Amino acid sequence: MKRKWDSPDAAATASVCVDGGGDSSSGAEFEVFLSFRGPDTRLSFTDCLYHSMVGAGIRVFRDDEEIRKGEKIGGELLRAIESSKIYVPIFSRNYASSAWCLRELRHMVECSRKANEKVILPIFCDVNSDDVKLKTPLYLDALKKHEEKFGRDDVREWEEALAEVARIKGWGLRNRG
């Protein structure tokens, strides 16, 4: 069964985020991109979600499964985001401490703004939307540390992306198995 995003036009639409069109150089197309802080959820919730989706026949990008040894992590992650239709950021207690998670989130937001068919479905795993909206110290403290290393401009963009995604109705997994 051929799905809408399996067509050649889907690759051209997917890469619009970065270069305004053209085919994705990696050739990979994913239905779902999982963004998560590895030490927080890789071996628990994210692993269960990933295997459930794969078992249902969904093509999922999860960094440890899809990045080949020797490839540049940054470019491959950005291409995977561009070629995905659904983004699932899994916000955990230490998500904002990872500059890579924040870069991924910013790119997901940019791509979803430019391509209406892209959807962000947030999951709040042991955090609530107020943490992600920067109304509590949890993510604010992590961003302050990033500002020293990366500068105000990057951090401001990450704050905007966090706030935008936190306004999306997602799933809360606080104190639940």
C-alpha atoms as a PDB file:
ATOM      1  CA  MET A   1       0.000   0.000   0.000  1.00  0.00           C
ATOM      2  CA  LYS A   2       1.478   3.302  -1.050  1.00  0.00           C
ATOM      3  CA  ARG A   3       1.055   6.200   1.331  1.00  0.00           C
ATOM      4  CA  LYS A   4       0.826   9.859   0.387  1.00  0.00           C
ATOM      5  CA  TRP A   5       4.313  10.644   1.691  1.00  0.00           C
ATOM      6  CA  ASP A   6       5.875   7.721  -0.231  1.00  0.00           C
ATOM      7  CA  SER A   7       5.501   9.610  -3.498  1.00  0.00           C
ATOM      8  CA  PRO A   8       8.446  11.381  -5.195  1.00  0.00           C
ATOM      9  CA  ASP A   9       6.727  14.705  -4.468  1.00  0.00           C
ATOM     10  CA  ALA A  10       6.941  14.016  -0.733  1.00  0.00           C
ATOM     11  CA  ALA A  11      10.744  14.195  -0.775  1.00  0.00           C
ATOM     12  CA  ALA A  12      10.613  17.560  -2.524  1.00  0.00           C
ATOM     13  CA  THR A  13       8.115  18.857   0.018  1.00  0.00           C
ATOM     14  CA  ALA A  14      10.126  17.483   2.924  1.00  0.00           C
ATOM     15  CA  SER A  15      13.307  19.319   1.987  1.00  0.00           C
ATOM     16  CA  VAL A  16      11.568  22.668   1.605  1.00  0.00           C
ATOM     17  CA  CYS A  17      12.574  23.582   5.155  1.00  0.00           C
ATOM     18  CA  VAL A  18      16.213  24.058   4.295  1.00  0.00           C
ATOM     19  CA  ASP A  19      16.730  24.660   0.619  1.00  0.00           C
ATOM     20  CA  GLY A  20      13.332  25.614  -0.755  1.00  0.00           C
ATOM     21  CA  GLY A  21      12.838  22.378  -2.670  1.00  0.00           C
ATOM     22  CA  GLY A  22      14.633  19.518  -4.326  1.00  0.00           C
ATOM     23  CA  ASP A  23      15.235  15.958  -3.320  1.00  0.00           C
ATOM     24  CA  SER A  24      16.586  14.981   0.077  1.00  0.00           C
ATOM     25  CA  SER A  25      20.215  13.982  -0.321  1.00  0.00           C
ATOM     26  CA  SER A  26      19.923  11.094   2.149  1.00  0.00           C
ATOM     27  CA  GLY A  27      16.942   9.580   0.317  1.00  0.00           C
ATOM     28  CA  ALA A  28      15.443   8.599   3.673  1.00  0.00           C
ATOM     29  CA  GLU A  29      11.840   9.360   4.422  1.00  0.00           C
ATOM     30  CA  PHE A  30      10.296   8.911   7.816  1.00  0.00           C
ATOM     31  CA  GLU A  31       6.773   9.151   9.050  1.00  0.00           C
ATOM     32  CA  VAL A  32       7.810  10.034  12.615  1.00  0.00           C
ATOM     33  CA  PHE A  33      10.852  11.743  14.123  1.00  0.00           C
ATOM     34  CA  LEU A  34      11.422  11.137  17.841  1.00  0.00           C
ATOM     35  CA  SER A  35      13.293  13.854  19.743  1.00  0.00           C
ATOM     36  CA  PHE A  36      14.326  12.880  23.252  1.00  0.00           C
ATOM     37  CA  ARG A  37      17.080  13.206  25.848  1.00  0.00           C
ATOM     38  CA  GLY A  38      18.713   9.794  25.728  1.00  0.00           C
ATOM     39  CA  PRO A  39      19.689   9.344  29.375  1.00  0.00           C
ATOM     40  CA  ASP A  40      16.165  10.305  30.501  1.00  0.00           C
ATOM     41  CA  THR A  41      13.941   8.114  28.328  1.00  0.00           C
ATOM     42  CA  ARG A  42      15.924   6.077  25.765  1.00  0.00           C
ATOM     43  CA  LEU A  43      15.656   2.783  27.659  1.00  0.00           C
ATOM     44  CA  SER A  44      12.160   3.350  29.012  1.00  0.00           C
ATOM     45  CA  PHE A  45       9.292   5.291  27.461  1.00  0.00           C
ATOM     46  CA  THR A  46      11.005   6.173  24.176  1.00  0.00           C
ATOM     47  CA  ASP A  47      12.059   2.576  23.608  1.00  0.00           C
ATOM     48  CA  CYS A  48       8.502   1.314  24.167  1.00  0.00           C
ATOM     49  CA  LEU A  49       7.039   4.000  21.893  1.00  0.00           C
ATOM     50  CA  TYR A  50       9.597   3.335  19.171  1.00  0.00           C
ATOM     51  CA  HIS A  51       9.071  -0.441  19.143  1.00  0.00           C
ATOM     52  CA  SER A  52       5.287  -0.056  19.217  1.00  0.00           C
ATOM     53  CA  MET A  53       5.395   2.251  16.194  1.00  0.00           C
ATOM     54  CA  VAL A  54       7.809   0.046  14.267  1.00  0.00           C
ATOM     55  CA  GLY A  55       5.650  -2.973  15.103  1.00  0.00           C
ATOM     56  CA  ALA A  56       2.678  -1.124  13.608  1.00  0.00           C
ATOM     57  CA  GLY A  57       4.619  -0.575  10.371  1.00  0.00           C
ATOM     58  CA  ILE A  58       5.481   3.077  10.965  1.00  0.00           C
ATOM     59  CA  ARG A  59       8.869   4.307   9.691  1.00  0.00           C
ATOM     60  CA  VAL A  60      10.383   6.016  12.742  1.00  0.00           C
ATOM     61  CA  PHE A  61      13.639   7.930  13.068  1.00  0.00           C
ATOM     62  CA  ARG A  62      15.391   7.384  16.378  1.00  0.00           C
ATOM     63  CA  ASP A  63      18.971   8.592  16.454  1.00  0.00           C
ATOM     64  CA  ASP A  64      20.674   5.428  17.646  1.00  0.00           C
ATOM     65  CA  GLU A  65      18.879   3.315  15.046  1.00  0.00           C
ATOM     66  CA  GLU A  66      19.258   5.507  11.985  1.00  0.00           C
ATOM     67  CA  ILE A  67      22.621   7.267  12.175  1.00  0.00           C
ATOM     68  CA  ARG A  68      25.375   5.128  10.729  1.00  0.00           C
ATOM     69  CA  LYS A  69      28.815   5.073  12.287  1.00  0.00           C
ATOM     70  CA  GLY A  70      31.067   7.744  10.776  1.00  0.00           C
ATOM     71  CA  GLU A  71      28.246  10.037   9.628  1.00  0.00           C
ATOM     72  CA  LYS A  72      28.015  13.587  10.866  1.00  0.00           C
ATOM     73  CA  ILE A  73      25.303  13.605  13.489  1.00  0.00           C
ATOM     74  CA  GLY A  74      24.132  17.172  12.905  1.00  0.00           C
ATOM     75  CA  GLY A  75      23.419  16.929   9.185  1.00  0.00           C
ATOM     76  CA  GLU A  76      21.810  13.511   9.411  1.00  0.00           C
ATOM     77  CA  LEU A  77      19.488  14.633  12.202  1.00  0.00           C
ATOM     78  CA  LEU A  78      18.414  17.740  10.315  1.00  0.00           C
ATOM     79  CA  ARG A  79      17.774  15.710   7.133  1.00  0.00           C
ATOM     80  CA  ALA A  80      15.708  13.223   9.143  1.00  0.00           C
ATOM     81  CA  ILE A  81      13.616  16.066  10.553  1.00  0.00           C
ATOM     82  CA  GLU A  82      13.091  17.492   7.082  1.00  0.00           C
ATOM     83  CA  SER A  83      12.010  14.139   5.676  1.00  0.00           C
ATOM     84  CA  SER A  84       9.599  13.357   8.520  1.00  0.00           C
ATOM     85  CA  LYS A  85       5.907  14.141   8.593  1.00  0.00           C
ATOM     86  CA  ILE A  86       5.231  13.914  12.336  1.00  0.00           C
ATOM     87  CA  TYR A  87       7.496  15.213  15.074  1.00  0.00           C
ATOM     88  CA  VAL A  88       7.286  13.791  18.576  1.00  0.00           C
ATOM     89  CA  PRO A  89       9.383  15.736  21.062  1.00  0.00           C
ATOM     90  CA  ILE A  90       9.482  13.824  24.339  1.00  0.00           C
ATOM     91  CA  PHE A  91      10.027  16.501  26.965  1.00  0.00           C
ATOM     92  CA  SER A  92      11.734  15.076  30.031  1.00  0.00           C
ATOM     93  CA  ARG A  93      13.377  16.656  33.061  1.00  0.00           C
ATOM     94  CA  ASN A  94      16.731  17.133  31.289  1.00  0.00           C
ATOM     95  CA  TYR A  95      15.531  17.715  27.709  1.00  0.00           C
ATOM     96  CA  ALA A  96      16.472  21.418  27.844  1.00  0.00           C
ATOM     97  CA  SER A  97      19.968  20.606  29.105  1.00  0.00           C
ATOM     98  CA  SER A  98      20.756  19.156  25.681  1.00  0.00           C
ATOM     99  CA  ALA A  99      21.692  21.705  23.023  1.00  0.00           C
ATOM    100  CA  TRP A 100      21.042  19.024  20.387  1.00  0.00           C
ATOM    101  CA  CYS A 101      17.484  18.467  21.636  1.00  0.00           C
ATOM    102  CA  LEU A 102      16.883  22.216  21.475  1.00  0.00           C
ATOM    103  CA  ARG A 103      18.376  22.446  17.967  1.00  0.00           C
ATOM    104  CA  GLU A 104      16.132  19.600  16.842  1.00  0.00           C
ATOM    105  CA  LEU A 105      13.093  21.275  18.349  1.00  0.00           C
ATOM    106  CA  ARG A 106      13.888  24.603  16.701  1.00  0.00           C
ATOM    107  CA  HIS A 107      14.252  22.851  13.330  1.00  0.00           C
ATOM    108  CA  MET A 108      10.973  20.965  13.820  1.00  0.00           C
ATOM    109  CA  VAL A 109       9.188  24.248  14.487  1.00  0.00           C
ATOM    110  CA  GLU A 110      10.781  25.888  11.425  1.00  0.00           C
ATOM    111  CA  CYS A 111       9.800  22.978   9.187  1.00  0.00           C
ATOM    112  CA  SER A 112       6.238  22.804  10.530  1.00  0.00           C
ATOM    113  CA  ARG A 113       5.791  26.530   9.886  1.00  0.00           C
ATOM    114  CA  LYS A 114       6.851  26.138   6.250  1.00  0.00           C
ATOM    115  CA  ALA A 115       4.980  22.918   5.471  1.00  0.00           C
ATOM    116  CA  ASN A 116       1.386  22.661   6.705  1.00  0.00           C
ATOM    117  CA  GLU A 117       1.310  18.876   6.503  1.00  0.00           C
ATOM    118  CA  LYS A 118       3.965  18.556   9.216  1.00  0.00           C
ATOM    119  CA  VAL A 119       2.619  18.032  12.730  1.00  0.00           C
ATOM    120  CA  ILE A 120       4.222  18.342  16.158  1.00  0.00           C
ATOM    121  CA  LEU A 121       2.800  16.016  18.835  1.00  0.00           C
ATOM    122  CA  PRO A 122       4.498  16.734  22.179  1.00  0.00           C
ATOM    123  CA  ILE A 123       4.760  14.296  25.046  1.00  0.00           C
ATOM    124  CA  PHE A 124       5.437  15.641  28.534  1.00  0.00           C
ATOM    125  CA  CYS A 125       7.281  12.886  30.387  1.00  0.00           C
ATOM    126  CA  ASP A 126       7.719  13.743  34.083  1.00  0.00           C
ATOM    127  CA  VAL A 127       7.377  17.461  33.276  1.00  0.00           C
ATOM    128  CA  ASN A 128       4.357  19.640  32.607  1.00  0.00           C
ATOM    129  CA  SER A 129       3.689  22.257  29.965  1.00  0.00           C
ATOM    130  CA  ASP A 130       4.549  25.077  32.405  1.00  0.00           C
ATOM    131  CA  ASP A 131       8.096  23.703  32.650  1.00  0.00           C
ATOM    132  CA  VAL A 132       8.399  23.758  28.862  1.00  0.00           C
ATOM    133  CA  LYS A 133       6.725  27.198  28.633  1.00  0.00           C
ATOM    134  CA  LEU A 134       9.568  28.421  30.897  1.00  0.00           C
ATOM    135  CA  LYS A 135       7.244  29.290  33.775  1.00  0.00           C
ATOM    136  CA  THR A 136       9.301  27.226  36.241  1.00  0.00           C
ATOM    137  CA  PRO A 137      13.045  27.074  36.940  1.00  0.00           C
ATOM    138  CA  LEU A 138      13.453  23.567  35.472  1.00  0.00           C
ATOM    139  CA  TYR A 139      14.093  24.543  31.828  1.00  0.00           C
ATOM    140  CA  LEU A 140      14.979  28.182  32.592  1.00  0.00           C
ATOM    141  CA  ASP A 141      18.072  27.117  34.548  1.00  0.00           C
ATOM    142  CA  ALA A 142      19.244  24.874  31.718  1.00  0.00           C
ATOM    143  CA  LEU A 143      18.794  27.694  29.189  1.00  0.00           C
ATOM    144  CA  LYS A 144      20.809  30.093  31.337  1.00  0.00           C
ATOM    145  CA  LYS A 145      23.727  27.659  31.213  1.00  0.00           C
ATOM    146  CA  HIS A 146      23.397  27.393  27.420  1.00  0.00           C
ATOM    147  CA  GLU A 147      23.443  31.169  27.070  1.00  0.00           C
ATOM    148  CA  GLU A 148      26.977  31.306  28.477  1.00  0.00           C
ATOM    149  CA  LYS A 149      28.174  28.797  25.876  1.00  0.00           C
ATOM    150  CA  PHE A 150      26.046  29.511  22.792  1.00  0.00           C
ATOM    151  CA  GLY A 151      24.992  33.144  23.172  1.00  0.00           C
ATOM    152  CA  ARG A 152      21.682  34.929  23.532  1.00  0.00           C
ATOM    153  CA  ASP A 153      20.515  34.577  19.919  1.00  0.00           C
ATOM    154  CA  ASP A 154      20.501  30.760  19.902  1.00  0.00           C
ATOM    155  CA  VAL A 155      18.926  30.581  23.341  1.00  0.00           C
ATOM    156  CA  ARG A 156      16.193  33.069  22.371  1.00  0.00           C
ATOM    157  CA  GLU A 157      15.292  30.886  19.364  1.00  0.00           C
ATOM    158  CA  TRP A 158      15.206  27.797  21.589  1.00  0.00           C
ATOM    159  CA  GLU A 159      12.978  29.599  24.104  1.00  0.00           C
ATOM    160  CA  GLU A 160      10.563  30.562  21.315  1.00  0.00           C
ATOM    161  CA  ALA A 161      10.467  26.994  20.011  1.00  0.00           C
ATOM    162  CA  LEU A 162       9.861  25.570  23.492  1.00  0.00           C
ATOM    163  CA  ALA A 163       7.053  28.048  24.179  1.00  0.00           C
ATOM    164  CA  GLU A 164       5.408  27.404  20.804  1.00  0.00           C
ATOM    165  CA  VAL A 165       5.426  23.626  21.162  1.00  0.00           C
ATOM    166  CA  ALA A 166       4.324  23.755  24.808  1.00  0.00           C
ATOM    167  CA  ARG A 167       1.118  25.465  23.654  1.00  0.00           C
ATOM    168  CA  ILE A 168       0.216  22.389  21.597  1.00  0.00           C
ATOM    169  CA  LYS A 169      -2.076  19.944  23.364  1.00  0.00           C
ATOM    170  CA  GLY A 170       0.007  16.875  23.964  1.00  0.00           C
ATOM    171  CA  TRP A 171       0.141  13.886  26.270  1.00  0.00           C
ATOM    172  CA  GLY A 172       1.195  14.069  29.896  1.00  0.00           C
ATOM    173  CA  LEU A 173       3.049  11.148  31.423  1.00  0.00           C
ATOM    174  CA  ARG A 174       3.732  12.327  34.925  1.00  0.00           C
ATOM    175  CA  ASN A 175       3.955   9.673  37.642  1.00  0.00           C
ATOM    176  CA  ARG A 176       2.650   7.002  35.278  1.00  0.00           C
ATOM    177  CA  GLY A 177       4.096   3.809  33.901  1.00  0.00           C
END
